[in-house]
Amino acid sequence: MFTCLGIETSCDETSASVVVDGKKILSNVVQTQINLHKIYGGVVPEIACRAHIEMILPVIDKALSDASLSLDDIDALAVTNSPGLIGALLVGVSIAKSLALTTNLPLIGVDHIQAHIYACRLASEQEDGETIKLQSPSYPCISMVVSGGHTSIYLSESEIEHKLLGSTTDDAAGEAFDKVAKILGLSFPGGPAIEKSAMDGDRDAIKLPRAYLDKDSLDFSFSGIKTAVLYYVKGQNALKDRILSQKEVSDISASFQEAMVDILVDKAIAAVQKNQVSNIVVGGGVACNKRLKEKLCEKASSFGYSAYFPPAKFCTDNAAMVAGIAYHLWKAERISDLYLDAVPTKLC
C-alpha cells in the first residue's frame, strides 16, 4: 500500500490530499481564492502567493486530520512543480521540500497538466451516498487539458507518458472565458458565469469566428473569438459605450460558448482520428462546462469513440490528482532530487 500526501499551489487554489495507491482518496482539502481575485476579474499573482503562504500549513494539517493520519503514516510526498505561477509554485515546493527533509520521505515532483489528465481516473468511493466506479480509458488515448492557463492536446501512452500534439497559440480557453465575461459585465471566474448566462441565450444569435489555423493543425487560437465579442459589444475601436440588455448578454454568452465548444470538440475528434485511437480524456477547469461535455460525448459516440470527464470537483485544481499520479511516478522510480528536480522550471 502506497499512501501519498499531495500538495497543489500552482495558481489560486491551495490544496492538500491523501491518496492510497493512486485511487483511494482519504482526504482532499481545497482552499479557493476566488473571493480575493474576483474584484480584479482575474488572478493577481502577488495576492495568490500571499494567500498560499497563509493557508498552506492549515490545509495540510486538515488533509492529514480528515484522513485520520499523521506524517508517520505517509509513504511519500508529491508536489506540483510546473507549470504555474512561479511564486505560487515555490510556496508548495518549499513546504514539500521542508517536510521531505525533516521526515526523510521521498519527494515526487508532478507536472500540473499531467495531473489534470489523470483526474478522470479519480473518484471518491462514495459520491452522494453512491459508490462511484473509477473511469479507466485504455491506452493509448487522446488527452485534452482545457483550463484558465492551458489548452493542449496530447497522445497519452500511459498515466505518465504524454506526447504533445497541439496547444494554444495565444489565449487559453479558460482565459478567453474570463475576458469575455469581463466584457459582458459578468462575474469571475468567467466560465461558470458565461455558462449560466448562456442557458437563456440563443446559440445562433451572433456569428462568431472559429479559428482552426492550418489544415490538419491541432493547435488552438481563441484571441479572435474574444476580439470579435469585444468589437460586437463596443464597436470596431472598442470605445463604444453600450449598455446591453440581459437578453443580449445571454445571446452573446451562448454564441461565444458554442464557438469555443465547437473548436475544442472538432480538434479533439481530429486528434483521435489522426492517431487512430478510440478514447478521449478531458481535464482542467473548463471540463466542468456542461455544453462541452454534452457535445463532445455526443460527437464522439457518433464515431464510435468514448469521452471521459472527471467529476466536477476534480476538474479544477486539487491535490488529489497530484497524489494520484504520484503513485505511478513512484512505481516508475521517478523520485525528485530535493535540491534540483522539485524546483519549479516552467511557467504558465
Protein backbone atom coordinates (compact mmCIF):
# COMPACT_ATOMS: atom_id res chain seq x y z
CA MET A 1 0.00 0.00 0.00
CA PHE A 2 1.35 3.40 -1.03
CA THR A 3 -0.04 6.39 0.91
CA CYS A 4 0.86 9.76 -0.59
CA LEU A 5 0.34 13.31 0.65
CA GLY A 6 -0.10 15.61 -2.35
CA ILE A 7 0.32 19.40 -2.38
CA GLU A 8 -1.00 21.76 -5.07
CA THR A 9 -0.33 25.53 -5.25
CA SER A 10 0.16 26.25 -8.94
CA CYS A 11 -2.37 29.09 -9.24
CA ASP A 12 -5.19 30.23 -6.96
CA GLU A 13 -6.18 27.10 -5.02
CA THR A 14 -4.26 25.87 -2.00
CA SER A 15 -4.82 22.14 -1.75
CA ALA A 16 -3.57 19.04 0.04
CA SER A 17 -4.79 15.47 -0.29
CA VAL A 18 -4.03 11.97 0.93
CA VAL A 19 -4.47 9.23 -1.67
CA VAL A 20 -3.76 5.50 -1.39
CA ASP A 21 -2.38 3.57 -4.39
CA GLY A 22 -3.33 6.34 -6.79
CA LYS A 23 -7.07 5.69 -6.41
CA LYS A 24 -8.48 5.73 -2.89
CA ILE A 25 -8.93 9.31 -1.71
CA LEU A 26 -8.76 9.61 2.07
CA SER A 27 -8.94 13.40 2.04
CA ASN A 28 -8.91 16.30 -0.40
CA VAL A 29 -8.86 19.82 1.02
CA VAL A 30 -9.12 22.76 -1.39
CA GLN A 31 -8.97 26.37 -0.19
CA THR A 32 -10.10 28.58 -3.06
CA GLN A 33 -9.09 32.22 -3.53
CA ILE A 34 -11.97 33.28 -5.79
CA ASN A 35 -13.20 35.95 -3.36
CA LEU A 36 -9.73 37.52 -3.29
CA HIS A 37 -9.43 37.81 -7.07
CA LYS A 38 -12.96 38.38 -8.36
CA ILE A 39 -12.86 42.16 -7.89
CA TYR A 40 -9.93 42.23 -10.35
CA GLY A 41 -11.57 39.92 -12.91
CA GLY A 42 -8.58 37.57 -12.85
CA VAL A 43 -5.86 36.05 -10.70
CA VAL A 44 -3.36 38.54 -9.21
CA PRO A 45 -0.08 36.62 -8.68
CA GLU A 46 1.09 38.61 -5.64
CA ILE A 47 -2.23 38.13 -3.86
CA ALA A 48 -2.28 34.43 -4.78
CA CYS A 49 1.22 33.86 -3.36
CA ARG A 50 0.45 35.60 -0.06
CA ALA A 51 -2.75 33.56 0.33
CA HIS A 52 -0.84 30.33 -0.30
CA ILE A 53 1.67 31.23 2.41
CA GLU A 54 -1.14 31.88 4.89
CA MET A 55 -3.14 28.75 4.08
CA ILE A 56 -0.66 26.01 3.17
CA LEU A 57 0.05 24.67 6.68
CA PRO A 58 -3.61 24.71 7.86
CA VAL A 59 -4.65 22.97 4.62
CA ILE A 60 -2.02 20.23 5.04
CA ASP A 61 -2.98 19.78 8.69
CA LYS A 62 -6.65 19.41 7.73
CA ALA A 63 -5.87 16.92 4.95
CA LEU A 64 -4.00 14.71 7.42
CA SER A 65 -6.72 15.13 10.03
CA ASP A 66 -9.51 14.30 7.57
CA ALA A 67 -7.60 11.15 6.60
CA SER A 68 -7.10 10.28 10.31
CA LEU A 69 -3.37 10.02 9.65
CA SER A 70 -0.12 11.71 10.67
CA LEU A 71 3.07 12.24 8.70
CA ASP A 72 4.34 8.99 10.24
CA ASP A 73 1.71 7.15 8.17
CA ILE A 74 2.74 8.75 4.86
CA ASP A 75 4.98 6.87 2.41
CA ALA A 76 5.83 9.78 0.08
CA LEU A 77 5.17 13.44 -0.63
CA ALA A 78 4.10 14.80 -4.01
CA VAL A 79 4.00 18.42 -5.12
CA THR A 80 3.14 20.30 -8.30
CA ASN A 81 6.38 21.81 -9.56
CA SER A 82 5.36 23.03 -13.03
CA PRO A 83 3.78 24.75 -14.85
CA GLY A 84 2.13 27.63 -12.99
CA LEU A 85 2.74 30.96 -11.29
CA ILE A 86 6.38 30.88 -10.18
CA GLY A 87 5.74 32.38 -6.74
CA ALA A 88 2.74 30.14 -6.12
CA LEU A 89 4.69 27.05 -7.13
CA LEU A 90 7.55 28.00 -4.82
CA VAL A 91 5.23 28.03 -1.82
CA GLY A 92 4.14 24.44 -2.40
CA VAL A 93 7.59 23.21 -3.38
CA SER A 94 9.24 24.89 -0.38
CA ILE A 95 6.90 23.30 2.15
CA ALA A 96 7.13 19.92 0.40
CA LYS A 97 10.94 20.02 0.41
CA SER A 98 10.93 21.04 4.08
CA LEU A 99 8.65 18.16 5.02
CA ALA A 100 10.70 15.72 2.96
CA LEU A 101 13.94 16.80 4.60
CA THR A 102 12.56 16.62 8.14
CA THR A 103 10.73 13.30 7.68
CA ASN A 104 13.15 11.62 5.27
CA LEU A 105 10.22 10.84 2.97
CA PRO A 106 10.73 10.61 -0.80
CA LEU A 107 9.52 13.62 -2.77
CA ILE A 108 7.84 13.37 -6.18
CA GLY A 109 7.60 16.40 -8.45
CA VAL A 110 4.40 16.41 -10.52
CA ASP A 111 3.58 18.14 -13.79
CA HIS A 112 0.33 20.05 -13.29
CA ILE A 113 -1.01 19.29 -16.78
CA GLN A 114 -0.34 15.57 -16.48
CA ALA A 115 -2.15 15.62 -13.13
CA HIS A 116 -5.22 17.14 -14.83
CA ILE A 117 -5.14 14.32 -17.38
CA TYR A 118 -5.03 11.79 -14.55
CA ALA A 119 -8.02 13.41 -12.79
CA CYS A 120 -10.60 11.47 -14.81
CA ARG A 121 -9.37 8.31 -13.07
CA LEU A 122 -10.21 9.76 -9.67
CA ALA A 123 -13.45 9.40 -7.79
CA SER A 124 -14.33 9.17 -4.16
CA GLU A 125 -15.60 5.77 -3.09
CA GLN A 126 -18.81 7.50 -2.08
CA GLU A 127 -20.40 10.31 -4.10
CA ASP A 128 -23.77 11.45 -2.75
CA GLY A 129 -24.15 8.14 -0.95
CA GLU A 130 -23.49 6.01 -4.03
CA THR A 131 -20.39 4.05 -4.91
CA ILE A 132 -18.69 5.51 -7.97
CA LYS A 133 -16.81 3.28 -10.39
CA LEU A 134 -13.43 4.67 -11.43
CA GLN A 135 -13.26 5.52 -15.12
CA SER A 136 -10.47 3.65 -16.87
CA PRO A 137 -10.00 4.61 -20.50
CA SER A 138 -7.50 2.34 -22.21
CA TYR A 139 -4.17 3.49 -23.59
CA PRO A 140 -3.17 4.92 -25.96
CA CYS A 141 -5.76 7.72 -25.90
CA ILE A 142 -6.11 11.40 -26.68
CA SER A 143 -5.96 13.72 -23.68
CA MET A 144 -7.14 17.32 -23.79
CA VAL A 145 -6.46 19.76 -20.96
CA VAL A 146 -8.66 22.87 -21.02
CA SER A 147 -8.21 25.40 -18.23
CA GLY A 148 -7.56 29.06 -17.45
CA GLY A 149 -3.87 28.75 -18.22
CA HIS A 150 -3.67 25.82 -20.63
CA THR A 151 -5.33 24.38 -23.71
CA SER A 152 -3.40 21.41 -25.07
CA ILE A 153 -3.92 18.04 -26.75
CA TYR A 154 -1.71 15.01 -26.08
CA LEU A 155 -1.32 11.45 -27.23
CA SER A 156 -1.18 9.59 -23.91
CA GLU A 157 0.63 6.26 -23.85
CA SER A 158 0.22 5.74 -20.09
CA GLU A 159 -0.57 7.69 -16.93
CA ILE A 160 2.85 9.36 -17.11
CA GLU A 161 3.76 9.32 -20.82
CA HIS A 162 2.22 12.10 -22.91
CA LYS A 163 3.25 13.43 -26.34
CA LEU A 164 2.18 17.00 -27.12
CA LEU A 165 0.14 17.21 -30.34
CA GLY A 166 -1.11 20.78 -30.15
CA SER A 167 -1.53 23.77 -27.84
CA THR A 168 -2.87 27.30 -27.82
CA THR A 169 -1.00 29.90 -29.83
CA ASP A 170 -2.46 32.76 -27.78
CA ASP A 171 -5.15 32.69 -25.08
CA ALA A 172 -6.09 29.56 -23.17
CA ALA A 173 -9.77 28.64 -23.34
CA GLY A 174 -10.44 29.48 -19.70
CA GLU A 175 -8.67 32.81 -20.11
CA ALA A 176 -10.92 33.65 -23.07
CA PHE A 177 -13.99 32.81 -20.96
CA ASP A 178 -12.73 35.12 -18.19
CA LYS A 179 -12.04 38.02 -20.57
CA VAL A 180 -15.36 37.73 -22.40
CA ALA A 181 -17.18 37.56 -19.06
CA LYS A 182 -15.47 40.80 -18.08
CA ILE A 183 -16.54 42.44 -21.37
CA LEU A 184 -20.12 41.38 -20.66
CA GLY A 185 -20.03 42.55 -17.04
CA LEU A 186 -20.31 39.02 -15.65
CA SER A 187 -18.58 37.70 -12.56
CA PHE A 188 -15.24 35.93 -12.13
CA PRO A 189 -14.45 33.15 -12.85
CA GLY A 190 -15.86 33.64 -16.31
CA GLY A 191 -16.53 30.02 -17.27
CA PRO A 192 -19.37 29.32 -14.82
CA ALA A 193 -20.77 32.84 -15.29
CA ILE A 194 -20.97 32.53 -19.07
CA GLU A 195 -22.37 29.01 -18.86
CA LYS A 196 -25.14 30.19 -16.55
CA SER A 197 -25.92 33.21 -18.73
CA ALA A 198 -25.89 31.06 -21.88
CA MET A 199 -28.73 28.90 -20.55
CA ASP A 200 -31.20 31.64 -21.51
CA GLY A 201 -29.47 32.59 -24.76
CA ASP A 202 -29.65 31.72 -28.45
CA ARG A 203 -26.52 29.87 -29.62
CA ASP A 204 -27.03 31.13 -33.18
CA ALA A 205 -27.81 34.74 -32.31
CA ILE A 206 -24.35 36.01 -33.25
CA LYS A 207 -21.98 34.66 -35.87
CA LEU A 208 -18.57 34.39 -34.25
CA PRO A 209 -15.40 33.11 -35.94
CA ARG A 210 -13.98 29.64 -35.37
CA ALA A 211 -10.21 29.65 -35.82
CA TYR A 212 -8.91 26.27 -36.98
CA LEU A 213 -5.48 27.53 -38.18
CA ASP A 214 -3.62 25.47 -40.78
CA LYS A 215 -5.11 22.36 -42.32
CA ASP A 216 -4.62 19.38 -40.01
CA SER A 217 -3.32 21.64 -37.22
CA LEU A 218 -4.16 20.57 -33.67
CA ASP A 219 -3.16 23.96 -32.25
CA PHE A 220 -5.74 26.39 -30.86
CA SER A 221 -6.38 30.12 -31.20
CA PHE A 222 -9.04 31.87 -29.16
CA SER A 223 -7.98 35.52 -29.28
CA GLY A 224 -10.03 36.13 -32.44
CA ILE A 225 -13.27 35.00 -30.80
CA LYS A 226 -12.59 37.17 -27.79
CA THR A 227 -11.82 40.19 -30.00
CA ALA A 228 -14.94 39.57 -32.10
CA VAL A 229 -17.06 39.75 -28.93
CA LEU A 230 -15.27 42.94 -27.86
CA TYR A 231 -15.95 44.61 -31.24
CA TYR A 232 -19.56 43.42 -31.26
CA VAL A 233 -20.16 44.98 -27.84
CA LYS A 234 -18.01 48.12 -28.03
CA GLY A 235 -17.55 48.75 -31.76
CA GLN A 236 -14.51 48.45 -34.02
CA ASN A 237 -12.48 50.89 -31.95
CA ALA A 238 -13.58 49.19 -28.72
CA LEU A 239 -14.65 52.57 -27.33
CA LYS A 240 -18.41 52.48 -27.86
CA ASP A 241 -20.34 52.96 -24.63
CA ARG A 242 -23.11 50.41 -24.98
CA ILE A 243 -25.43 49.06 -22.31
CA LEU A 244 -26.51 45.50 -23.06
CA SER A 245 -29.88 44.07 -22.14
CA GLN A 246 -30.00 40.82 -20.20
CA LYS A 247 -31.21 39.07 -23.36
CA GLU A 248 -28.27 40.40 -25.36
CA VAL A 249 -25.82 39.24 -22.69
CA SER A 250 -27.38 35.77 -22.72
CA ASP A 251 -27.28 35.57 -26.53
CA ILE A 252 -23.64 36.67 -26.68
CA SER A 253 -22.76 34.22 -23.92
CA ALA A 254 -24.48 31.34 -25.70
CA SER A 255 -22.95 32.20 -29.07
CA PHE A 256 -19.46 32.58 -27.60
CA GLN A 257 -19.70 29.36 -25.62
CA GLU A 258 -20.87 27.46 -28.70
CA ALA A 259 -17.98 28.78 -30.78
CA MET A 260 -15.46 27.77 -28.11
CA VAL A 261 -17.00 24.32 -27.71
CA ASP A 262 -17.08 23.75 -31.48
CA ILE A 263 -13.33 24.31 -31.75
CA LEU A 264 -12.49 22.13 -28.74
CA VAL A 265 -14.72 19.29 -29.92
CA ASP A 266 -13.55 19.39 -33.53
CA LYS A 267 -9.87 19.42 -32.53
CA ALA A 268 -10.36 16.53 -30.10
CA ILE A 269 -12.14 14.41 -32.70
CA ALA A 270 -9.49 15.27 -35.31
CA ALA A 271 -6.76 14.17 -32.89
CA VAL A 272 -8.48 10.85 -32.29
CA GLN A 273 -8.88 10.16 -35.99
CA LYS A 274 -5.35 11.26 -36.85
CA ASN A 275 -3.83 8.99 -34.20
CA GLN A 276 -6.23 6.06 -34.70
CA VAL A 277 -7.29 5.70 -31.08
CA SER A 278 -10.79 5.44 -29.63
CA ASN A 279 -10.78 7.27 -26.27
CA ILE A 280 -10.70 10.95 -25.34
CA VAL A 281 -9.82 12.14 -21.83
CA VAL A 282 -10.64 15.72 -20.83
CA GLY A 283 -9.26 17.58 -17.81
CA GLY A 284 -8.95 21.11 -16.45
CA GLY A 285 -11.42 23.67 -15.15
CA VAL A 286 -13.27 24.09 -18.46
CA ALA A 287 -14.05 20.35 -18.36
CA CYS A 288 -16.80 21.39 -15.92
CA ASN A 289 -18.65 23.02 -18.80
CA LYS A 290 -21.81 21.01 -19.43
CA ARG A 291 -22.15 22.07 -23.06
CA LEU A 292 -18.60 20.87 -23.80
CA LYS A 293 -19.29 17.54 -22.14
CA GLU A 294 -22.64 17.15 -23.91
CA LYS A 295 -21.33 17.98 -27.38
CA LEU A 296 -18.05 16.05 -27.16
CA CYS A 297 -19.74 12.92 -25.79
CA GLU A 298 -22.40 13.14 -28.50
CA LYS A 299 -19.96 13.61 -31.36
CA ALA A 300 -17.50 11.02 -30.02
CA SER A 301 -20.31 8.49 -29.72
CA SER A 302 -21.41 9.14 -33.32
CA PHE A 303 -17.94 8.00 -34.45
CA GLY A 304 -17.82 5.06 -32.05
CA TYR A 305 -15.42 6.78 -29.64
CA SER A 306 -15.71 7.34 -25.88
CA ALA A 307 -15.09 10.60 -24.00
CA TYR A 308 -14.17 10.70 -20.31
CA PHE A 309 -14.56 13.67 -17.95
CA PRO A 310 -13.57 13.90 -14.26
CA PRO A 311 -16.14 14.51 -11.54
CA ALA A 312 -16.61 18.30 -11.32
CA LYS A 313 -14.63 18.65 -8.08
CA PHE A 314 -11.57 17.13 -9.76
CA CYS A 315 -11.74 19.37 -12.85
CA THR A 316 -10.42 22.44 -11.05
CA ASP A 317 -7.03 22.47 -9.33
CA ASN A 318 -6.79 19.96 -6.50
CA ALA A 319 -4.13 17.88 -4.75
CA ALA A 320 -5.90 14.53 -5.17
CA MET A 321 -4.84 14.41 -8.81
CA VAL A 322 -1.28 15.25 -7.73
CA ALA A 323 -1.12 12.48 -5.13
CA GLY A 324 -2.89 10.12 -7.53
CA ILE A 325 -0.47 10.40 -10.42
CA ALA A 326 2.45 10.35 -7.96
CA TYR A 327 1.73 6.67 -7.36
CA HIS A 328 2.57 5.87 -10.98
CA LEU A 329 5.66 8.11 -10.92
CA TRP A 330 6.79 6.30 -7.76
CA LYS A 331 6.33 2.91 -9.43
CA ALA A 332 8.45 4.19 -12.33
CA GLU A 333 11.07 5.31 -9.77
CA ARG A 334 10.76 8.96 -10.79
CA ILE A 335 11.69 10.41 -7.40
CA SER A 336 12.85 14.03 -7.24
CA ASP A 337 16.25 15.28 -6.20
CA LEU A 338 15.40 17.54 -3.26
CA TYR A 339 17.88 20.16 -4.37
CA LEU A 340 17.09 20.23 -8.08
CA ASP A 341 14.22 18.30 -9.63
CA ALA A 342 11.46 19.66 -7.38
CA VAL A 343 12.32 23.30 -8.18
CA PRO A 344 9.75 24.97 -10.48
CA THR A 345 11.13 25.03 -14.02
CA LYS A 346 8.24 26.06 -16.28
CA LEU A 347 5.70 28.88 -16.04
CA CYS A 348 2.17 29.26 -17.39
